[in-house]
C-alpha cells in the first residue's frame, strides 16, 4: 500500500465497490479509533448516542454500520445493543469492547439477516454518506424496527438529496410510516481538534424520527 491509497476520510468518501470498501476498512480497523476518531476530534458517534437517548431511545437497539463500536462507547453500560457492519475486521474491534450483544456481518445495501420487528431503536453514525450507504437501506431498517422505534441517524448534507433520503423521508411521512423527521446540522469535528485536511468545516445531519 502506498501513501496515496492508505486509509483516509477522502479514500472512504470515494469508495465505489464493495471490494474496495472491504479492503479499506480491513486496512484501517486496528488504528481507526486512535488514528481517525481520536486524532480528528470526530464527535458524531457521541452526538448520535446523545440524540437517541434524548429522544427516549430504549433497548434492544441496532447500531447500523457500527464499525469499531464508537457509538456504543457513549451509551450506558446497561444498554442492550447489537451491531451490523460490512467489515469483519471492524466488527472484531467492536467485539473486543464487549459492549454488543450480537454482531452481524452484512452488506446494508442488500437484505440483512435480521428478523422483522427485532429492535425498538436504530442508531447510526457515519454510515449514510459518500462511498457508503444510500437511502436504499431504509426499508430494511424499517422492517427490523418495531412500531414506535426511535431512529437517530447521521447524514451528509451534500449526499442527502442526491442519494434519495429527502424523497424517502417525505414518502414515508406522507404514508404515515414515520413521524416527521427532526433534522439539524452539527459540526463533525470538535473545535480545536485536527480534522482531516480540507474537512475542517464539515457538518453532518442529525436525523431523528419514530417508526409509526
C-alpha atoms as a PDB file:
ATOM      1  CA  UNK A   1       0.000   0.000   0.000  1.00  0.00           C
ATOM      2  CA  UNK A   2       1.317   3.396  -0.910  1.00  0.00           C
ATOM      3  CA  UNK A   3       0.738   6.714   0.827  1.00  0.00           C
ATOM      4  CA  UNK A   4      -1.736   7.607  -1.895  1.00  0.00           C
ATOM      5  CA  UNK A   5      -4.059   4.676  -1.229  1.00  0.00           C
ATOM      6  CA  UNK A   6      -3.655   4.385   2.543  1.00  0.00           C
ATOM      7  CA  UNK A   7      -6.844   4.600   4.632  1.00  0.00           C
ATOM      8  CA  UNK A   8      -8.216   8.127   4.929  1.00  0.00           C
ATOM      9  CA  UNK A   9     -11.501  10.008   5.001  1.00  0.00           C
ATOM     10  CA  UNK A  10     -11.137  11.027   1.357  1.00  0.00           C
ATOM     11  CA  UNK A  11     -10.468   7.413   0.384  1.00  0.00           C
ATOM     12  CA  UNK A  12     -13.595   6.361   2.305  1.00  0.00           C
ATOM     13  CA  UNK A  13     -15.726   9.021   0.604  1.00  0.00           C
ATOM     14  CA  UNK A  14     -14.522   7.818  -2.808  1.00  0.00           C
ATOM     15  CA  UNK A  15     -15.290   4.135  -2.408  1.00  0.00           C
ATOM     16  CA  UNK A  16     -17.032   2.716  -5.478  1.00  0.00           C
ATOM     17  CA  UNK A  17     -17.320  -1.028  -4.872  1.00  0.00           C
ATOM     18  CA  UNK A  18     -17.972  -3.477  -2.072  1.00  0.00           C
ATOM     19  CA  UNK A  19     -14.491  -4.913  -2.577  1.00  0.00           C
ATOM     20  CA  UNK A  20     -12.868  -1.501  -2.157  1.00  0.00           C
ATOM     21  CA  UNK A  21     -14.924  -0.882   0.974  1.00  0.00           C
ATOM     22  CA  UNK A  22     -13.853  -4.184   2.494  1.00  0.00           C
ATOM     23  CA  UNK A  23     -10.184  -3.564   1.719  1.00  0.00           C
ATOM     24  CA  UNK A  24     -10.098  -0.041   3.097  1.00  0.00           C
ATOM     25  CA  UNK A  25     -11.725  -0.945   6.396  1.00  0.00           C
ATOM     26  CA  UNK A  26      -9.663  -4.100   6.720  1.00  0.00           C
ATOM     27  CA  UNK A  27      -6.540  -1.952   6.494  1.00  0.00           C
ATOM     28  CA  UNK A  28      -7.947   0.745   8.791  1.00  0.00           C
ATOM     29  CA  UNK A  29      -9.674  -1.301  11.503  1.00  0.00           C
ATOM     30  CA  UNK A  30      -6.851  -1.658  14.032  1.00  0.00           C
ATOM     31  CA  UNK A  31      -5.954   2.046  14.010  1.00  0.00           C
ATOM     32  CA  UNK A  32      -9.332   3.635  13.241  1.00  0.00           C
ATOM     33  CA  UNK A  33     -10.278   4.725  16.766  1.00  0.00           C
ATOM     34  CA  UNK A  34      -6.951   6.355  17.501  1.00  0.00           C
ATOM     35  CA  UNK A  35      -5.873   7.468  14.028  1.00  0.00           C
ATOM     36  CA  UNK A  36      -9.176   8.840  12.788  1.00  0.00           C
ATOM     37  CA  UNK A  37     -11.722   9.286  15.576  1.00  0.00           C
ATOM     38  CA  UNK A  38      -9.349  10.347  18.322  1.00  0.00           C
ATOM     39  CA  UNK A  39      -6.896  12.463  16.384  1.00  0.00           C
ATOM     40  CA  UNK A  40      -9.524  14.253  14.292  1.00  0.00           C
ATOM     41  CA  UNK A  41     -11.874  15.046  17.164  1.00  0.00           C
ATOM     42  CA  UNK A  42     -14.713  13.170  15.453  1.00  0.00           C
ATOM     43  CA  UNK A  43     -17.815  13.854  17.534  1.00  0.00           C
ATOM     44  CA  UNK A  44     -20.743  12.327  15.665  1.00  0.00           C
ATOM     45  CA  UNK A  45     -20.740   8.983  17.466  1.00  0.00           C
ATOM     46  CA  UNK A  46     -21.303  10.871  20.716  1.00  0.00           C
ATOM     47  CA  UNK A  47     -23.898  13.182  19.148  1.00  0.00           C
ATOM     48  CA  UNK A  48     -25.930  10.285  17.746  1.00  0.00           C
ATOM     49  CA  UNK A  49     -25.804   8.408  21.059  1.00  0.00           C
ATOM     50  CA  UNK A  50     -26.986  11.518  22.891  1.00  0.00           C
ATOM     51  CA  UNK A  51     -29.724  12.226  20.321  1.00  0.00           C
ATOM     52  CA  UNK A  52     -31.029   8.680  20.695  1.00  0.00           C
ATOM     53  CA  UNK A  53     -31.203   8.919  24.475  1.00  0.00           C
ATOM     54  CA  UNK A  54     -32.756  12.404  24.385  1.00  0.00           C
ATOM     55  CA  UNK A  55     -35.480  11.096  22.038  1.00  0.00           C
ATOM     56  CA  UNK A  56     -36.399   8.422  24.585  1.00  0.00           C
ATOM     57  CA  UNK A  57     -34.499   5.608  22.920  1.00  0.00           C
ATOM     58  CA  UNK A  58     -34.852   2.226  24.569  1.00  0.00           C
ATOM     59  CA  UNK A  59     -33.486  -1.300  24.169  1.00  0.00           C
ATOM     60  CA  UNK A  60     -32.815  -3.517  22.335  1.00  0.00           C
ATOM     61  CA  UNK A  61     -31.342  -1.258  19.667  1.00  0.00           C
ATOM     62  CA  UNK A  62     -29.368  -1.822  16.469  1.00  0.00           C
ATOM     63  CA  UNK A  63     -26.186   0.131  15.669  1.00  0.00           C
ATOM     64  CA  UNK A  64     -26.114   0.322  11.875  1.00  0.00           C
ATOM     65  CA  UNK A  65     -22.666   0.466  10.274  1.00  0.00           C
ATOM     66  CA  UNK A  66     -21.286   0.093  13.773  1.00  0.00           C
ATOM     67  CA  UNK A  67     -17.652  -0.137  12.675  1.00  0.00           C
ATOM     68  CA  UNK A  68     -15.383  -0.343  15.709  1.00  0.00           C
ATOM     69  CA  UNK A  69     -18.217   0.437  18.114  1.00  0.00           C
ATOM     70  CA  UNK A  70     -17.754   4.173  18.582  1.00  0.00           C
ATOM     71  CA  UNK A  71     -21.465   4.809  19.205  1.00  0.00           C
ATOM     72  CA  UNK A  72     -21.615   2.167  21.936  1.00  0.00           C
ATOM     73  CA  UNK A  73     -18.759   3.933  23.706  1.00  0.00           C
ATOM     74  CA  UNK A  74     -21.210   6.740  24.525  1.00  0.00           C
ATOM     75  CA  UNK A  75     -24.197   4.647  25.582  1.00  0.00           C
ATOM     76  CA  UNK A  76     -24.949   3.482  29.147  1.00  0.00           C
ATOM     77  CA  UNK A  77     -23.250   0.238  30.085  1.00  0.00           C
ATOM     78  CA  UNK A  78     -26.721  -1.222  30.691  1.00  0.00           C
ATOM     79  CA  UNK A  79     -27.649  -0.747  27.014  1.00  0.00           C
ATOM     80  CA  UNK A  80     -28.774  -3.814  25.082  1.00  0.00           C
ATOM     81  CA  UNK A  81     -27.388  -3.181  21.628  1.00  0.00           C
ATOM     82  CA  UNK A  82     -26.449  -5.233  18.583  1.00  0.00           C
ATOM     83  CA  UNK A  83     -24.279  -4.060  15.698  1.00  0.00           C
ATOM     84  CA  UNK A  84     -24.148  -4.643  11.970  1.00  0.00           C
ATOM     85  CA  UNK A  85     -21.348  -3.783   9.552  1.00  0.00           C
ATOM     86  CA  UNK A  86     -19.865  -4.962   6.259  1.00  0.00           C
ATOM     87  CA  UNK A  87     -16.294  -5.219   7.570  1.00  0.00           C
ATOM     88  CA  UNK A  88     -15.310  -8.296   9.616  1.00  0.00           C
ATOM     89  CA  UNK A  89     -12.156  -6.547  10.803  1.00  0.00           C
ATOM     90  CA  UNK A  90     -14.098  -3.553  12.118  1.00  0.00           C
ATOM     91  CA  UNK A  91     -16.512  -5.940  13.833  1.00  0.00           C
ATOM     92  CA  UNK A  92     -13.569  -7.644  15.532  1.00  0.00           C
ATOM     93  CA  UNK A  93     -12.617  -4.300  17.048  1.00  0.00           C
ATOM     94  CA  UNK A  94     -16.200  -3.701  18.169  1.00  0.00           C
ATOM     95  CA  UNK A  95     -16.429  -7.169  19.679  1.00  0.00           C
ATOM     96  CA  UNK A  96     -13.288  -6.584  21.739  1.00  0.00           C
ATOM     97  CA  UNK A  97     -15.023  -3.699  23.532  1.00  0.00           C
ATOM     98  CA  UNK A  98     -17.608  -6.074  24.982  1.00  0.00           C
ATOM     99  CA  UNK A  99     -20.487  -3.638  24.518  1.00  0.00           C
ATOM    100  CA  UNK A 100     -22.564  -5.537  21.958  1.00  0.00           C
ATOM    101  CA  UNK A 101     -24.867  -8.496  22.414  1.00  0.00           C
ATOM    102  CA  UNK A 102     -24.578  -9.739  18.833  1.00  0.00           C
ATOM    103  CA  UNK A 103     -22.620  -8.500  15.845  1.00  0.00           C
ATOM    104  CA  UNK A 104     -23.706  -9.212  12.278  1.00  0.00           C
ATOM    105  CA  UNK A 105     -21.579  -9.044   9.149  1.00  0.00           C
ATOM    106  CA  UNK A 106     -23.756  -7.863   6.270  1.00  0.00           C
ATOM    107  CA  UNK A 107     -23.996  -5.525   3.291  1.00  0.00           C
ATOM    108  CA  UNK A 108     -26.560  -2.854   4.175  1.00  0.00           C
ATOM    109  CA  UNK A 109     -27.411  -2.287   0.512  1.00  0.00           C
ATOM    110  CA  UNK A 110     -28.940  -5.782   0.429  1.00  0.00           C
ATOM    111  CA  UNK A 111     -31.453  -7.694   2.579  1.00  0.00           C
ATOM    112  CA  UNK A 112     -30.000  -8.114   6.058  1.00  0.00           C
ATOM    113  CA  UNK A 113     -30.172 -11.325   8.154  1.00  0.00           C
ATOM    114  CA  UNK A 114     -32.394  -9.973  10.946  1.00  0.00           C
ATOM    115  CA  UNK A 115     -35.993 -10.760  11.882  1.00  0.00           C
ATOM    116  CA  UNK A 116     -38.911  -8.352  11.478  1.00  0.00           C
ATOM    117  CA  UNK A 117     -39.682  -6.150  14.489  1.00  0.00           C
ATOM    118  CA  UNK A 118     -36.467  -7.099  16.292  1.00  0.00           C
ATOM    119  CA  UNK A 119     -35.493  -3.689  17.678  1.00  0.00           C
ATOM    120  CA  UNK A 120     -37.089  -0.774  19.489  1.00  0.00           C
ATOM    121  CA  UNK A 121     -34.366   1.566  18.296  1.00  0.00           C
ATOM    122  CA  UNK A 122     -31.912   2.176  15.446  1.00  0.00           C
ATOM    123  CA  UNK A 123     -28.747   4.286  15.649  1.00  0.00           C
ATOM    124  CA  UNK A 124     -26.162   5.053  13.010  1.00  0.00           C
ATOM    125  CA  UNK A 125     -23.195   7.427  12.797  1.00  0.00           C
ATOM    126  CA  UNK A 126     -21.134   7.924   9.658  1.00  0.00           C
ATOM    127  CA  UNK A 127     -22.801   5.285   7.500  1.00  0.00           C
ATOM    128  CA  UNK A 128     -25.183   7.250   5.264  1.00  0.00           C
ATOM    129  CA  UNK A 129     -22.593   9.229   3.363  1.00  0.00           C
ATOM    130  CA  UNK A 130     -20.456   9.364   0.227  1.00  0.00           C
ATOM    131  CA  UNK A 131     -18.989   5.998  -0.751  1.00  0.00           C
ATOM    132  CA  UNK A 132     -21.068   4.108   1.793  1.00  0.00           C
ATOM    133  CA  UNK A 133     -24.832   3.524   2.062  1.00  0.00           C
ATOM    134  CA  UNK A 134     -27.729   5.380   0.473  1.00  0.00           C
ATOM    135  CA  UNK A 135     -31.444   5.542   1.140  1.00  0.00           C
ATOM    136  CA  UNK A 136     -31.980   2.028  -0.236  1.00  0.00           C
ATOM    137  CA  UNK A 137     -31.135   0.679   3.234  1.00  0.00           C
ATOM    138  CA  UNK A 138     -34.037   2.442   4.957  1.00  0.00           C
ATOM    139  CA  UNK A 139     -36.672  -0.144   4.001  1.00  0.00           C
ATOM    140  CA  UNK A 140     -34.705  -2.950   5.658  1.00  0.00           C
ATOM    141  CA  UNK A 141     -34.117  -0.875   8.784  1.00  0.00           C
ATOM    142  CA  UNK A 142     -37.808  -0.095   8.972  1.00  0.00           C
ATOM    143  CA  UNK A 143     -38.553  -3.801   8.611  1.00  0.00           C
ATOM    144  CA  UNK A 144     -36.423  -4.833  11.587  1.00  0.00           C
ATOM    145  CA  UNK A 145     -37.714  -1.961  13.784  1.00  0.00           C
ATOM    146  CA  UNK A 146     -40.827  -2.309  15.911  1.00  0.00           C
ATOM    147  CA  UNK A 147     -43.668   0.222  15.761  1.00  0.00           C
ATOM    148  CA  UNK A 148     -42.688   3.170  17.950  1.00  0.00           C
ATOM    149  CA  UNK A 149     -38.966   2.577  17.460  1.00  0.00           C
ATOM    150  CA  UNK A 150     -36.703   5.616  17.770  1.00  0.00           C
ATOM    151  CA  UNK A 151     -34.293   6.260  14.886  1.00  0.00           C
ATOM    152  CA  UNK A 152     -31.265   8.512  15.433  1.00  0.00           C
ATOM    153  CA  UNK A 153     -29.011   8.507  12.382  1.00  0.00           C
ATOM    154  CA  UNK A 154     -26.462  10.799  10.820  1.00  0.00           C
ATOM    155  CA  UNK A 155     -26.453  12.049   7.261  1.00  0.00           C
ATOM    156  CA  UNK A 156     -24.222  14.009   4.927  1.00  0.00           C
ATOM    157  CA  UNK A 157     -25.776  17.295   3.710  1.00  0.00           C
ATOM    158  CA  UNK A 158     -24.323  17.028   0.198  1.00  0.00           C
ATOM    159  CA  UNK A 159     -25.370  13.363  -0.068  1.00  0.00           C
ATOM    160  CA  UNK A 160     -28.829  13.704   1.492  1.00  0.00           C
ATOM    161  CA  UNK A 161     -30.902  14.688  -1.543  1.00  0.00           C
ATOM    162  CA  UNK A 162     -28.856  13.068  -4.374  1.00  0.00           C
ATOM    163  CA  UNK A 163     -28.953   9.738  -2.522  1.00  0.00           C
ATOM    164  CA  UNK A 164     -32.727   9.898  -2.163  1.00  0.00           C
ATOM    165  CA  UNK A 165     -33.045  10.500   1.580  1.00  0.00           C
ATOM    166  CA  UNK A 166     -35.186  13.622   1.258  1.00  0.00           C
ATOM    167  CA  UNK A 167     -37.590  11.871  -1.075  1.00  0.00           C
ATOM    168  CA  UNK A 168     -37.677   8.700   1.045  1.00  0.00           C
ATOM    169  CA  UNK A 169     -38.470  10.593   4.243  1.00  0.00           C
ATOM    170  CA  UNK A 170     -41.156  12.636   2.508  1.00  0.00           C
ATOM    171  CA  UNK A 171     -42.729   9.454   1.137  1.00  0.00           C
ATOM    172  CA  UNK A 172     -42.647   7.646   4.486  1.00  0.00           C
ATOM    173  CA  UNK A 173     -44.006  10.685   6.330  1.00  0.00           C
ATOM    174  CA  UNK A 174     -46.857  11.108   3.853  1.00  0.00           C
ATOM    175  CA  UNK A 175     -47.650   7.402   4.203  1.00  0.00           C
ATOM    176  CA  UNK A 176     -47.797   7.647   7.987  1.00  0.00           C
ATOM    177  CA  UNK A 177     -44.928   5.197   8.279  1.00  0.00           C
ATOM    178  CA  UNK A 178     -42.732   7.570  10.301  1.00  0.00           C
ATOM    179  CA  UNK A 179     -43.079  10.759  12.304  1.00  0.00           C
ATOM    180  CA  UNK A 180     -41.872  13.991  10.718  1.00  0.00           C
ATOM    181  CA  UNK A 181     -38.059  13.757  10.949  1.00  0.00           C
ATOM    182  CA  UNK A 182     -36.322  16.330  13.135  1.00  0.00           C
ATOM    183  CA  UNK A 183     -33.135  17.319  11.331  1.00  0.00           C
ATOM    184  CA  UNK A 184     -30.331  19.580  12.475  1.00  0.00           C
ATOM    185  CA  UNK A 185     -26.762  20.308  11.395  1.00  0.00           C
ATOM    186  CA  UNK A 186     -23.777  19.838  13.685  1.00  0.00           C
ATOM    187  CA  UNK A 187     -20.020  20.237  13.173  1.00  0.00           C
ATOM    188  CA  UNK A 188     -18.488  16.816  12.604  1.00  0.00           C
ATOM    189  CA  UNK A 189     -15.259  17.606  14.448  1.00  0.00           C
ATOM    190  CA  UNK A 190     -14.502  19.151  17.825  1.00  0.00           C
ATOM    191  CA  UNK A 191     -13.342  22.761  17.852  1.00  0.00           C
ATOM    192  CA  UNK A 192      -9.581  22.926  18.225  1.00  0.00           C
ATOM    193  CA  UNK A 193      -9.041  19.350  17.032  1.00  0.00           C
ATOM    194  CA  UNK A 194      -7.181  18.287  13.887  1.00  0.00           C
ATOM    195  CA  UNK A 195      -9.710  17.093  11.301  1.00  0.00           C
ATOM    196  CA  UNK A 196      -8.511  15.609   8.013  1.00  0.00           C
ATOM    197  CA  UNK A 197      -7.095  18.309   5.780  1.00  0.00           C
ATOM    198  CA  UNK A 198      -9.828  20.045   3.815  1.00  0.00           C
ATOM    199  CA  UNK A 199     -12.571  18.874   6.181  1.00  0.00           C
ATOM    200  CA  UNK A 200     -12.113  21.362   8.996  1.00  0.00           C
ATOM    201  CA  UNK A 201     -15.565  22.908   8.493  1.00  0.00           C
ATOM    202  CA  UNK A 202     -17.513  19.771   7.604  1.00  0.00           C
ATOM    203  CA  UNK A 203     -21.000  19.463   9.067  1.00  0.00           C
ATOM    204  CA  UNK A 204     -23.291  16.484   9.337  1.00  0.00           C
ATOM    205  CA  UNK A 205     -27.009  15.963   9.788  1.00  0.00           C
ATOM    206  CA  UNK A 206     -28.614  14.531  12.904  1.00  0.00           C
ATOM    207  CA  UNK A 207     -31.912  12.906  11.852  1.00  0.00           C
ATOM    208  CA  UNK A 208     -34.372  11.714  14.492  1.00  0.00           C
ATOM    209  CA  UNK A 209     -37.810  10.145  13.939  1.00  0.00           C
ATOM    210  CA  UNK A 210     -40.072   7.337  15.089  1.00  0.00           C
ATOM    211  CA  UNK A 211     -41.487   4.428  13.173  1.00  0.00           C
ATOM    212  CA  UNK A 212     -45.269   4.646  13.418  1.00  0.00           C
END
